[in-house]
Amino acid sequence: MTNVHAFGNCCIIPDCRHQMPYPTTQSSICHGFHYVRQGAADTKAPTMKGALKSEIWYPDLDWRDCVKLRRKRSEKVAVTRMQSRQDLTGKNVVVVGLGSSGRAAVKLALARGANVVALDSNPNTPPLEVDLHPSDVRRLRTEIGPHSKETLFGASQLVLSPGVSASQPDIAAAIQAGVPTLSELSFAAAALPKSIQVAAVTGTNGKSTVTTFAGQILRQSGVRTFVGGNLGTPLSEAAFQCLSFPANDPPYHAAVVEVSSYQMECAGLFRPKVGMILNLTPDHLERHKTMEIYGKMKCRIFAQMSPTDLAVIPQSDPFLRKLAAESRSKGTRAWLGALPGVQLDSQARRAFVVVPTTGAQAGFFLSSLKAVGLHNAHNAGSAALIALALDFGLTEEAIQAALPSLQPPPHRMEVVHQDEQQILWINDSKATNVDAALVGMKGITGRKAVVLLGGLAKVGSEGKLGFERLAEVLNTHRAVILFGASGEQIEEELRSADITVPCVRARYLKDAVKLARAFVHPGDAVILSPGCASFDEFRNFEHRGLVFSDLAKSTVV
């Protein structure tokens, strides 16, 4: 059988990865195209769902050229559809912050017909125009560096990137004056077709992995799913793609989004069908100031829910339960760690799921998981709850079949190397706070580890970093190597907590890796779970993780 996709990107959905051969007996559908068998007995060219009135298959053209022609004509139709759905025509949308989220919001606002002013205080911000169609550039104005209050007060709509706090004086004044203000996530969600079911995952730790796992389960079960938000691709990009399709036939059936507390400062009418808060530990207090404010931001994902929506929180966290109750959500409650919701057995080998909104029940075996760490069994159970709670009729068998192939996102307990001595090198660079590092260390079972801690630590109350809490679990491992700007203070805290395993300090990460090779035994693990930000030595945690991966694979000692 001939594979259409081998001849080029015939689908109009970006990055289509379907590899659909022609069926032997009946037509099949891939993103709106009908294909029929090609063979000696059947030479009729394939037909296409939603074909234009004029004939698109020409007897003097090879069918592959017809596909290319169809694609060009589909692009023209897409432009017409986008132009017909410009609901912000005549509005002045001001986007503040031009990182990846802000740039995607600018593109979405322009596609919806708005006049856009794009603001960023960083004088080195790359120009926006390179990403835009020339016709859109005429409706765009940028203010790089200091911006005027008049720009903010003259907006029909303010859209804030995650890195921009709503408490900044000029923005707070505009909000106080009645200027409608949304986060980029909420702005994008309002533009999604109503048929797309949204699951939102937040919490201090683990949200990227649960979001990724849920997206993988849905995709492997045949559900066209967008995965992004605070993780990877901004939701505005998905909303922009949807403008090129009929509202009743969007490119996605589901959107699983990681949500940060920053994105919930201006949550608007954001309403997921499933909202999940995984945990709540101290983080981002430089912005939110108190744990109560931080927790309330997280709980805003529940605020607009109705009883048909599912609101999930840890059963064992009374503080978070209190804040969730204060959100006045009408969403139906489910639990992490109890039923209804998801509950694992004592050895985390089985997960039991009960969905109170639908009555669905299932049990899953987790022993087939390849993702490293006990915590990933809990992450997989949480993801299975999301997949079962969304209204796609997924079966227990379909979700179970997807579990063995789940892969955590890069830099989250990622096995980057296994050498000839069966030593596992694990990149957990995303563990940028003490609680995340603790989860990573506890997740190493059945072998000892040399643990790499360090970087630029977050200072807590009374000038403490909080690393003394790691001493007990570190004492079950082989050794701890400290590095980076906060290495000396981390060492002081661990020694004051009576750490008993070897505890040595290096200047840089490369020196820490070299020392780790001297302590590790065959069959052990070396884990980078730093508990710190990376900015003393690296651009970001991704950069740190890539450097660690290269050092782990290096044969130079």
Protein backbone atom coordinates (compact mmCIF):
# COMPACT_ATOMS: atom_id res chain seq x y z
CA MET A 1 0.00 0.00 0.00
CA THR A 2 1.14 3.51 -0.74
CA ASN A 3 1.48 5.91 2.16
CA VAL A 4 0.18 9.33 1.15
CA HIS A 5 2.17 11.04 3.89
CA ALA A 6 5.43 9.81 2.39
CA PHE A 7 4.94 12.27 -0.48
CA GLY A 8 4.75 15.39 1.64
CA ASN A 9 2.69 17.14 4.23
CA CYS A 10 -0.69 16.64 2.65
CA CYS A 11 -2.65 17.49 5.80
CA ILE A 12 -3.32 21.12 6.61
CA ILE A 13 -2.87 20.54 10.35
CA PRO A 14 0.68 21.56 11.31
CA ASP A 15 3.07 18.72 12.18
CA CYS A 16 0.70 15.92 11.29
CA ARG A 17 2.37 12.69 12.37
CA HIS A 18 -0.23 10.25 11.09
CA GLN A 19 1.18 7.47 8.96
CA MET A 20 -2.04 6.13 7.52
CA PRO A 21 -1.73 3.64 4.64
CA TYR A 22 -4.62 3.09 2.31
CA PRO A 23 -7.13 0.62 3.77
CA THR A 24 -7.83 -2.55 1.90
CA THR A 25 -11.60 -2.47 1.89
CA GLN A 26 -13.01 0.89 2.87
CA SER A 27 -12.21 4.57 2.97
CA SER A 28 -10.50 6.04 6.02
CA ILE A 29 -10.19 9.59 7.24
CA CYS A 30 -7.10 11.54 8.20
CA HIS A 31 -7.87 15.11 9.30
CA GLY A 32 -10.68 15.62 6.85
CA PHE A 33 -9.37 13.72 3.81
CA HIS A 34 -10.95 10.52 2.49
CA TYR A 35 -8.58 7.97 0.98
CA VAL A 36 -9.56 4.87 -1.00
CA ARG A 37 -7.46 1.97 -2.06
CA GLN A 38 -5.20 2.43 -5.10
CA GLY A 39 -4.60 -0.70 -7.10
CA ALA A 40 -4.91 -2.33 -10.45
CA ALA A 41 -8.62 -2.91 -9.99
CA ASP A 42 -9.35 0.52 -8.60
CA THR A 43 -7.62 3.48 -10.21
CA LYS A 44 -10.11 6.13 -9.26
CA ALA A 45 -8.42 9.06 -7.50
CA PRO A 46 -9.20 9.58 -3.82
CA THR A 47 -12.03 11.87 -2.81
CA MET A 48 -11.78 14.46 -0.10
CA LYS A 49 -14.09 15.41 2.72
CA GLY A 50 -15.33 18.94 2.29
CA ALA A 51 -14.02 19.25 -1.29
CA LEU A 52 -14.56 22.53 -3.13
CA LYS A 53 -17.36 22.68 -5.68
CA SER A 54 -14.97 22.79 -8.63
CA GLU A 55 -13.27 19.51 -9.52
CA ILE A 56 -9.87 19.20 -7.86
CA TRP A 57 -8.73 15.95 -9.49
CA TYR A 58 -7.46 16.47 -13.02
CA PRO A 59 -6.89 13.57 -15.43
CA ASP A 60 -3.68 15.13 -16.77
CA LEU A 61 -2.11 15.50 -13.27
CA ASP A 62 -0.59 12.88 -11.03
CA TRP A 63 -2.71 12.56 -7.87
CA ARG A 64 0.23 13.74 -5.74
CA ASP A 65 0.20 17.04 -7.63
CA CYS A 66 -3.52 17.20 -7.01
CA VAL A 67 -2.88 16.88 -3.28
CA LYS A 68 -0.49 19.83 -3.49
CA LEU A 69 -3.08 21.85 -5.40
CA ARG A 70 -5.74 20.91 -2.84
CA ARG A 71 -3.44 22.06 -0.05
CA LYS A 72 -2.90 25.45 -1.67
CA ARG A 73 -6.62 25.90 -2.18
CA SER A 74 -7.30 24.78 1.41
CA GLU A 75 -4.93 27.48 2.63
CA LYS A 76 -7.02 30.07 0.74
CA VAL A 77 -10.17 28.69 2.35
CA ALA A 78 -8.44 28.89 5.74
CA VAL A 79 -7.71 32.57 5.21
CA THR A 80 -11.37 33.19 4.35
CA ARG A 81 -12.51 31.37 7.49
CA MET A 82 -10.08 33.34 9.65
CA GLN A 83 -11.24 36.64 8.19
CA SER A 84 -14.87 35.73 8.80
CA ARG A 85 -14.24 35.16 12.54
CA GLN A 86 -12.62 38.49 13.43
CA ASP A 87 -14.54 39.16 16.62
CA LEU A 88 -12.06 41.81 17.85
CA THR A 89 -12.32 44.10 14.83
CA GLY A 90 -12.06 47.72 15.93
CA LYS A 91 -10.79 46.78 19.40
CA ASN A 92 -7.46 47.96 20.81
CA VAL A 93 -5.68 45.00 22.42
CA VAL A 94 -2.53 45.74 24.41
CA VAL A 95 -0.24 42.75 25.01
CA VAL A 96 2.29 43.22 27.82
CA GLY A 97 5.39 41.02 27.77
CA LEU A 98 6.76 39.60 24.52
CA GLY A 99 8.15 36.22 25.43
CA SER A 100 6.73 33.17 23.67
CA SER A 101 3.29 33.58 25.30
CA GLY A 102 3.04 37.29 24.52
CA ARG A 103 4.13 36.83 20.91
CA ALA A 104 1.52 34.09 20.43
CA ALA A 105 -1.14 36.36 21.97
CA VAL A 106 -0.20 39.17 19.56
CA LYS A 107 -0.60 36.83 16.60
CA LEU A 108 -3.96 35.59 17.89
CA ALA A 109 -5.29 39.11 18.56
CA LEU A 110 -4.30 40.27 15.07
CA ALA A 111 -5.93 37.20 13.51
CA ARG A 112 -9.14 38.09 15.38
CA GLY A 113 -9.10 41.55 13.79
CA ALA A 114 -7.76 43.68 16.64
CA ASN A 115 -5.45 46.65 16.49
CA VAL A 116 -2.56 45.59 18.72
CA VAL A 117 0.00 47.45 20.79
CA ALA A 118 2.79 45.14 21.97
CA LEU A 119 4.79 46.21 25.04
CA ASP A 120 8.02 44.93 26.54
CA SER A 121 10.42 46.71 28.86
CA ASN A 122 13.41 44.71 27.60
CA PRO A 123 15.25 46.82 24.97
CA ASN A 124 16.70 43.63 23.45
CA THR A 125 13.30 42.15 22.59
CA PRO A 126 13.40 40.62 19.07
CA PRO A 127 11.13 42.33 16.52
CA LEU A 128 7.64 40.89 16.17
CA GLU A 129 7.22 41.68 12.51
CA VAL A 130 9.26 38.67 11.35
CA ASP A 131 6.52 36.32 12.67
CA LEU A 132 3.59 38.12 11.07
CA HIS A 133 1.82 38.46 7.75
CA PRO A 134 2.48 41.87 6.10
CA SER A 135 -1.22 42.73 6.24
CA ASP A 136 -1.19 42.23 10.03
CA VAL A 137 1.86 44.43 10.57
CA ARG A 138 -0.19 47.49 9.58
CA ARG A 139 -2.39 46.95 12.66
CA LEU A 140 0.56 46.47 15.03
CA ARG A 141 2.53 48.99 17.04
CA THR A 142 5.33 48.08 19.43
CA GLU A 143 6.68 49.95 22.44
CA ILE A 144 10.00 48.52 23.53
CA GLY A 145 11.45 49.90 26.74
CA PRO A 146 9.42 52.30 28.91
CA HIS A 147 5.75 52.48 27.95
CA SER A 148 3.18 55.17 28.53
CA LYS A 149 0.24 54.95 30.92
CA GLU A 150 -1.95 56.28 28.12
CA THR A 151 -1.32 53.08 26.15
CA LEU A 152 -2.57 50.92 29.03
CA PHE A 153 -5.56 53.12 29.87
CA GLY A 154 -6.57 53.32 26.20
CA ALA A 155 -6.82 49.54 25.78
CA SER A 156 -10.08 47.75 25.04
CA GLN A 157 -8.34 44.67 26.44
CA LEU A 158 -5.08 44.11 28.33
CA VAL A 159 -3.39 40.74 27.87
CA LEU A 160 -0.62 39.89 30.34
CA SER A 161 2.18 37.39 29.76
CA PRO A 162 2.95 35.10 32.72
CA GLY A 163 6.06 37.06 33.67
CA VAL A 164 4.10 40.30 34.05
CA SER A 165 2.51 40.85 37.44
CA ALA A 166 -0.92 42.43 37.67
CA SER A 167 0.38 44.26 40.76
CA GLN A 168 2.80 46.42 38.76
CA PRO A 169 1.72 49.99 39.53
CA ASP A 170 0.73 51.08 36.00
CA ILE A 171 -1.10 47.82 35.28
CA ALA A 172 -2.82 47.81 38.67
CA ALA A 173 -3.95 51.38 38.03
CA ALA A 174 -5.38 50.42 34.63
CA ILE A 175 -7.24 47.48 36.17
CA GLN A 176 -8.56 49.76 38.93
CA ALA A 177 -9.77 52.15 36.23
CA GLY A 178 -11.84 49.36 34.67
CA VAL A 179 -9.64 48.22 31.76
CA PRO A 180 -10.56 44.54 31.09
CA THR A 181 -7.47 42.42 31.79
CA LEU A 182 -6.76 38.76 31.09
CA SER A 183 -3.76 36.48 31.27
CA GLU A 184 -2.56 35.10 27.95
CA LEU A 185 -3.96 31.69 28.90
CA SER A 186 -7.43 33.07 29.60
CA PHE A 187 -7.37 35.23 26.46
CA ALA A 188 -6.57 32.13 24.40
CA ALA A 189 -9.11 29.88 26.14
CA ALA A 190 -11.90 32.35 25.37
CA ALA A 191 -11.11 31.98 21.65
CA LEU A 192 -11.14 28.16 21.58
CA PRO A 193 -14.11 26.42 19.94
CA LYS A 194 -16.61 25.32 22.57
CA SER A 195 -16.28 21.70 21.45
CA ILE A 196 -12.69 21.45 22.72
CA GLN A 197 -12.57 19.94 26.21
CA VAL A 198 -9.93 21.56 28.42
CA ALA A 199 -8.07 19.93 31.30
CA ALA A 200 -5.95 22.24 33.46
CA VAL A 201 -3.15 20.96 35.71
CA THR A 202 -1.43 23.10 38.34
CA GLY A 203 0.47 22.70 41.60
CA THR A 204 3.97 23.46 42.84
CA ASN A 205 5.61 20.26 41.57
CA GLY A 206 4.77 17.58 39.02
CA LYS A 207 2.40 19.58 36.80
CA SER A 208 4.54 19.31 33.66
CA THR A 209 4.77 15.54 33.96
CA VAL A 210 1.06 14.98 34.66
CA THR A 211 0.15 17.30 31.75
CA THR A 212 2.51 15.41 29.45
CA PHE A 213 1.29 11.98 30.59
CA ALA A 214 -2.39 12.93 30.15
CA GLY A 215 -1.70 14.25 26.65
CA GLN A 216 0.14 11.06 25.71
CA ILE A 217 -2.68 8.84 26.96
CA LEU A 218 -5.29 10.81 25.01
CA ARG A 219 -3.24 10.90 21.82
CA GLN A 220 -2.47 7.19 21.95
CA SER A 221 -6.20 6.57 22.42
CA GLY A 222 -6.95 8.45 19.20
CA VAL A 223 -7.99 11.84 20.63
CA ARG A 224 -6.53 14.82 18.81
CA THR A 225 -4.96 16.67 21.71
CA PHE A 226 -3.09 19.92 22.23
CA VAL A 227 -0.55 19.85 25.07
CA GLY A 228 0.98 23.10 26.28
CA GLY A 229 0.08 26.25 28.18
CA ASN A 230 2.76 27.07 30.73
CA LEU A 231 4.56 24.00 29.37
CA GLY A 232 6.04 24.44 25.88
CA THR A 233 3.58 25.83 23.33
CA PRO A 234 1.32 28.69 24.54
CA LEU A 235 -2.44 28.07 24.37
CA SER A 236 -2.75 31.13 22.09
CA GLU A 237 -0.99 29.12 19.40
CA ALA A 238 -3.68 26.42 19.57
CA ALA A 239 -6.43 29.05 19.42
CA PHE A 240 -4.73 30.62 16.40
CA GLN A 241 -4.62 27.26 14.61
CA CYS A 242 -8.32 26.73 15.31
CA LEU A 243 -9.20 29.91 13.39
CA SER A 244 -8.21 28.11 10.19
CA PHE A 245 -10.88 25.44 10.66
CA PRO A 246 -14.67 25.39 10.90
CA ALA A 247 -15.78 26.01 14.48
CA ASN A 248 -17.61 22.66 14.52
CA ASP A 249 -14.58 20.71 13.23
CA PRO A 250 -11.46 22.06 15.01
CA PRO A 251 -8.02 20.44 14.72
CA TYR A 252 -8.14 19.41 18.39
CA HIS A 253 -10.73 17.60 20.46
CA ALA A 254 -8.93 18.19 23.76
CA ALA A 255 -6.45 20.63 25.27
CA VAL A 256 -4.38 19.60 28.29
CA VAL A 257 -2.67 22.68 29.70
CA GLU A 258 -0.19 23.24 32.46
CA VAL A 259 -1.27 26.30 34.43
CA SER A 260 0.96 28.45 36.64
CA SER A 261 -0.15 30.65 39.52
CA TYR A 262 0.99 33.64 37.46
CA GLN A 263 -1.50 32.78 34.72
CA MET A 264 -4.34 32.73 37.24
CA GLU A 265 -3.81 36.30 38.50
CA CYS A 266 -6.19 37.48 35.76
CA ALA A 267 -8.15 34.29 35.16
CA GLY A 268 -11.28 35.88 33.67
CA LEU A 269 -13.86 33.24 32.79
CA PHE A 270 -11.33 30.43 32.36
CA ARG A 271 -13.25 27.19 32.90
CA PRO A 272 -11.67 23.77 32.37
CA LYS A 273 -13.77 20.63 32.30
CA VAL A 274 -11.18 19.04 34.58
CA GLY A 275 -9.06 21.12 36.95
CA MET A 276 -6.36 19.50 39.09
CA ILE A 277 -4.10 20.93 41.82
CA LEU A 278 -1.39 18.36 42.55
CA ASN A 279 0.18 19.90 45.66
CA LEU A 280 1.05 23.19 47.33
CA THR A 281 4.45 23.96 48.86
CA PRO A 282 6.32 27.26 49.24
CA ASP A 283 7.34 28.74 45.89
CA HIS A 284 7.04 32.04 44.00
CA LEU A 285 6.56 33.92 47.27
CA GLU A 286 8.68 36.78 45.93
CA ARG A 287 5.64 37.55 43.74
CA HIS A 288 2.68 36.27 45.77
CA LYS A 289 4.12 37.24 49.20
CA THR A 290 2.14 34.68 51.26
CA MET A 291 1.19 31.02 50.94
CA GLU A 292 -2.48 31.95 51.22
CA ILE A 293 -2.31 34.27 48.21
CA TYR A 294 -0.26 31.70 46.29
CA GLY A 295 -2.82 28.97 47.07
CA LYS A 296 -5.75 31.19 46.16
CA MET A 297 -4.21 31.84 42.75
CA LYS A 298 -4.01 28.09 42.18
CA CYS A 299 -7.63 27.57 43.25
CA ARG A 300 -8.89 30.04 40.68
CA ILE A 301 -8.86 27.22 38.12
CA PHE A 302 -12.03 25.98 39.90
CA ALA A 303 -13.85 29.33 40.17
CA GLN A 304 -16.02 29.15 37.03
CA MET A 305 -16.85 25.44 37.19
CA SER A 306 -20.33 23.94 37.13
CA PRO A 307 -21.37 20.60 38.72
CA THR A 308 -20.58 18.81 35.45
CA ASP A 309 -16.91 19.81 35.80
CA LEU A 310 -14.37 17.98 37.96
CA ALA A 311 -12.23 19.78 40.59
CA VAL A 312 -9.41 17.60 41.92
CA ILE A 313 -7.18 18.30 44.95
CA PRO A 314 -5.07 16.21 47.36
CA GLN A 315 -7.25 14.66 50.04
CA SER A 316 -4.43 14.91 52.61
CA ASP A 317 -3.87 18.69 52.42
CA PRO A 318 -6.26 20.52 54.80
CA PHE A 319 -4.88 23.96 53.91
CA LEU A 320 -5.55 23.44 50.20
CA ARG A 321 -8.97 21.95 50.95
CA LYS A 322 -9.83 25.12 52.87
CA LEU A 323 -8.71 27.39 50.02
CA ALA A 324 -10.58 25.31 47.44
CA ALA A 325 -13.78 25.62 49.51
CA GLU A 326 -13.27 29.39 49.69
CA SER A 327 -13.11 29.57 45.88
CA ARG A 328 -16.90 28.96 45.93
CA SER A 329 -16.55 26.59 43.01
CA LYS A 330 -19.60 24.58 41.99
CA GLY A 331 -17.35 21.91 40.47
CA THR A 332 -17.76 18.34 41.63
CA ARG A 333 -14.95 17.38 44.01
CA ALA A 334 -12.61 14.44 43.50
CA TRP A 335 -9.43 13.54 45.34
CA LEU A 336 -5.83 12.63 44.81
CA GLY A 337 -5.22 9.86 47.31
CA ALA A 338 -8.85 8.88 47.94
CA LEU A 339 -12.05 7.93 46.13
CA PRO A 340 -13.84 9.33 44.23
CA GLY A 341 -10.71 10.38 42.38
CA VAL A 342 -7.55 8.29 42.18
CA GLN A 343 -6.00 6.11 44.86
CA LEU A 344 -2.87 3.94 44.62
CA ASP A 345 -2.22 0.80 46.64
CA SER A 346 0.49 0.79 49.33
CA GLN A 347 3.22 -0.25 46.89
CA ALA A 348 2.06 2.04 44.06
CA ARG A 349 1.57 -0.92 41.74
CA ARG A 350 -2.13 -0.36 41.06
CA ALA A 351 -4.24 2.76 40.63
CA PHE A 352 -8.00 2.81 41.22
CA VAL A 353 -10.00 5.59 39.56
CA VAL A 354 -13.60 6.69 40.17
CA VAL A 355 -15.01 9.71 38.27
CA PRO A 356 -17.99 11.17 40.17
CA THR A 357 -19.20 13.33 37.26
CA THR A 358 -19.66 10.37 34.91
CA GLY A 359 -19.70 7.32 37.18
CA ALA A 360 -16.76 5.80 35.28
CA GLN A 361 -14.58 3.38 37.25
CA ALA A 362 -11.32 1.65 36.34
CA GLY A 363 -8.25 -0.05 37.77
CA PHE A 364 -4.79 0.17 36.24
CA PHE A 365 -1.59 -1.83 36.69
CA LEU A 366 1.41 0.51 37.04
CA SER A 367 4.21 -2.07 37.12
CA SER A 368 4.68 -1.64 33.36
CA LEU A 369 5.69 2.03 33.70
CA LYS A 370 9.12 2.82 32.30
CA ALA A 371 9.21 6.31 33.83
CA VAL A 372 11.69 6.34 36.74
CA GLY A 373 10.56 7.10 40.27
CA LEU A 374 7.78 6.28 42.70
CA HIS A 375 6.28 9.73 42.15
CA ASN A 376 5.78 8.92 38.46
CA ALA A 377 3.38 6.13 39.45
CA HIS A 378 1.30 8.81 41.19
CA ASN A 379 1.68 11.10 38.15
CA ALA A 380 0.44 8.32 35.86
CA GLY A 381 -2.56 7.70 38.11
CA SER A 382 -3.44 11.40 38.06
CA ALA A 383 -3.13 11.46 34.27
CA ALA A 384 -5.39 8.40 33.96
CA LEU A 385 -8.03 10.20 36.05
CA ILE A 386 -7.91 13.18 33.65
CA ALA A 387 -8.20 10.96 30.58
CA LEU A 388 -11.15 9.06 32.02
CA ALA A 389 -12.90 12.23 33.24
CA LEU A 390 -12.90 13.93 29.84
CA ASP A 391 -15.95 12.98 27.81
CA PHE A 392 -14.38 10.83 25.09
CA GLY A 393 -15.54 7.42 26.25
CA LEU A 394 -12.02 6.07 26.73
CA THR A 395 -11.97 2.50 27.96
CA GLU A 396 -9.95 1.02 30.77
CA GLU A 397 -8.16 -1.14 28.19
CA ALA A 398 -7.15 1.84 26.01
CA ILE A 399 -5.67 3.76 28.95
CA GLN A 400 -3.89 0.67 30.27
CA ALA A 401 -2.34 0.08 26.85
CA ALA A 402 -0.90 3.61 26.85
CA LEU A 403 0.76 3.44 30.28
CA PRO A 404 3.93 1.48 29.35
CA SER A 405 4.94 4.06 26.75
CA LEU A 406 4.55 7.16 28.94
CA GLN A 407 7.60 9.41 28.77
CA PRO A 408 8.15 12.30 31.19
CA PRO A 409 9.13 15.64 29.65
CA PRO A 410 12.84 16.43 29.38
CA HIS A 411 14.68 17.36 32.59
CA ARG A 412 12.13 15.62 34.85
CA MET A 413 13.67 12.37 36.18
CA GLU A 414 14.93 11.76 32.65
CA VAL A 415 17.36 8.85 32.22
CA VAL A 416 19.96 10.35 29.89
CA HIS A 417 22.60 7.61 30.04
CA GLN A 418 23.33 4.12 31.31
CA ASP A 419 26.97 3.10 31.16
CA GLU A 420 28.69 -0.27 30.98
CA GLN A 421 28.62 -0.54 34.78
CA GLN A 422 24.81 -0.21 34.73
CA ILE A 423 25.02 3.22 36.37
CA LEU A 424 21.94 5.33 35.62
CA TRP A 425 22.49 9.04 34.98
CA ILE A 426 19.24 10.88 35.73
CA ASN A 427 18.55 14.48 34.73
CA ASP A 428 16.06 16.10 37.13
CA SER A 429 17.18 19.67 36.40
CA LYS A 430 13.56 20.89 36.61
CA ALA A 431 13.74 20.33 40.38
CA THR A 432 14.34 24.00 41.12
CA ASN A 433 13.10 23.96 44.73
CA VAL A 434 13.76 21.79 47.78
CA ASP A 435 10.41 19.95 47.65
CA ALA A 436 10.93 18.98 44.02
CA ALA A 437 14.42 17.70 44.81
CA LEU A 438 13.02 15.67 47.71
CA VAL A 439 10.51 14.00 45.40
CA GLY A 440 13.27 13.07 42.96
CA MET A 441 15.51 11.53 45.63
CA LYS A 442 12.63 9.53 47.13
CA GLY A 443 11.79 8.29 43.65
CA ILE A 444 15.07 6.36 43.36
CA THR A 445 14.23 2.91 44.70
CA GLY A 446 16.19 -0.34 44.56
CA ARG A 447 19.58 1.39 44.23
CA LYS A 448 21.66 4.06 45.92
CA ALA A 449 22.43 7.37 44.27
CA VAL A 450 25.05 10.07 44.25
CA VAL A 451 22.96 13.24 44.46
CA LEU A 452 24.02 16.54 42.88
CA LEU A 453 22.57 19.58 44.67
CA GLY A 454 23.21 23.26 44.02
CA GLY A 455 22.84 26.39 41.97
CA LEU A 456 21.15 29.59 43.09
CA ALA A 457 18.90 28.67 46.03
CA LYS A 458 15.68 30.42 47.00
CA VAL A 459 15.96 32.07 50.40
CA GLY A 460 13.09 31.35 52.78
CA SER A 461 12.15 32.71 56.17
CA GLU A 462 14.96 33.85 58.47
CA GLY A 463 17.49 33.52 55.66
CA LYS A 464 17.23 29.71 55.57
CA LEU A 465 17.28 27.69 52.34
CA GLY A 466 15.43 24.65 53.73
CA PHE A 467 17.93 21.96 52.67
CA GLU A 468 18.11 20.49 56.18
CA ARG A 469 14.85 18.72 55.27
CA LEU A 470 16.77 16.58 52.79
CA ALA A 471 19.22 15.09 55.29
CA GLU A 472 17.09 12.08 56.21
CA VAL A 473 16.56 10.87 52.63
CA LEU A 474 20.14 11.76 51.62
CA ASN A 475 21.40 9.47 54.39
CA THR A 476 19.83 6.52 52.53
CA HIS A 477 21.94 7.24 49.44
CA ARG A 478 25.62 7.01 48.53
CA ALA A 479 26.88 10.61 48.70
CA VAL A 480 25.92 14.21 48.00
CA ILE A 481 27.91 16.63 45.85
CA LEU A 482 27.21 20.36 46.25
CA PHE A 483 27.97 22.97 43.61
CA GLY A 484 27.19 26.50 42.50
CA ALA A 485 26.60 29.83 44.20
CA SER A 486 24.67 28.36 47.15
CA GLY A 487 26.81 25.27 47.62
CA GLU A 488 28.50 26.49 50.81
CA GLN A 489 25.26 27.45 52.57
CA ILE A 490 23.60 24.18 51.51
CA GLU A 491 26.53 22.28 53.03
CA GLU A 492 26.18 24.18 56.30
CA GLU A 493 22.47 23.35 56.53
CA LEU A 494 23.02 19.65 55.78
CA ARG A 495 25.84 19.32 58.31
CA SER A 496 23.72 21.03 60.96
CA ALA A 497 21.10 18.34 60.26
CA ASP A 498 23.63 15.57 60.95
CA ILE A 499 24.11 14.23 57.45
CA THR A 500 26.09 10.98 57.65
CA VAL A 501 26.96 10.19 54.02
CA PRO A 502 29.95 11.85 52.31
CA CYS A 503 29.13 15.50 51.59
CA VAL A 504 31.62 17.36 49.40
CA ARG A 505 31.57 20.61 47.52
CA ALA A 506 32.56 21.53 43.96
CA ARG A 507 32.64 24.91 42.26
CA TYR A 508 30.81 24.16 39.01
CA LEU A 509 28.51 21.42 37.71
CA LYS A 510 31.28 19.87 35.61
CA ASP A 511 33.40 19.53 38.75
CA ALA A 512 30.46 17.96 40.59
CA VAL A 513 30.04 15.34 37.86
CA LYS A 514 33.75 14.51 38.05
CA LEU A 515 33.50 14.02 41.81
CA ALA A 516 30.37 11.89 41.39
CA ARG A 517 32.33 9.40 39.28
CA ALA A 518 34.68 8.91 42.22
CA PHE A 519 31.86 8.02 44.65
CA VAL A 520 29.40 6.05 42.51
CA HIS A 521 29.37 2.23 42.61
CA PRO A 522 28.34 -0.16 39.81
CA GLY A 523 24.55 -0.40 39.65
CA ASP A 524 24.09 2.96 41.40
CA ALA A 525 22.57 6.15 40.00
CA VAL A 526 23.87 9.69 39.63
CA ILE A 527 21.00 12.17 39.84
CA LEU A 528 21.04 15.89 39.17
CA SER A 529 18.14 17.08 41.35
CA PRO A 530 19.53 20.50 42.29
CA GLY A 531 16.78 22.09 44.39
CA CYS A 532 17.94 25.47 43.09
CA ALA A 533 17.51 27.86 40.21
CA SER A 534 20.18 27.70 37.51
CA PHE A 535 20.94 31.34 36.80
CA ASP A 536 24.32 31.45 38.54
CA GLU A 537 25.87 29.28 35.82
CA PHE A 538 23.26 28.57 33.15
CA ARG A 539 20.61 30.34 31.06
CA ASN A 540 17.79 28.20 32.49
CA PHE A 541 17.11 24.73 33.88
CA GLU A 542 16.94 23.31 30.34
CA HIS A 543 20.46 24.53 29.60
CA ARG A 544 21.69 23.02 32.88
CA GLY A 545 20.05 19.68 32.07
CA LEU A 546 21.58 19.53 28.59
CA VAL A 547 25.06 20.24 29.98
CA PHE A 548 24.59 17.49 32.57
CA SER A 549 23.47 15.07 29.87
CA ASP A 550 26.58 15.81 27.79
CA LEU A 551 28.83 15.40 30.84
CA ALA A 552 27.16 12.10 31.74
CA LYS A 553 27.85 10.67 28.28
CA SER A 554 31.38 11.98 28.10
CA THR A 555 34.22 9.48 28.34
CA VAL A 556 36.60 12.20 29.51
CA VAL A 557 37.02 11.98 33.29
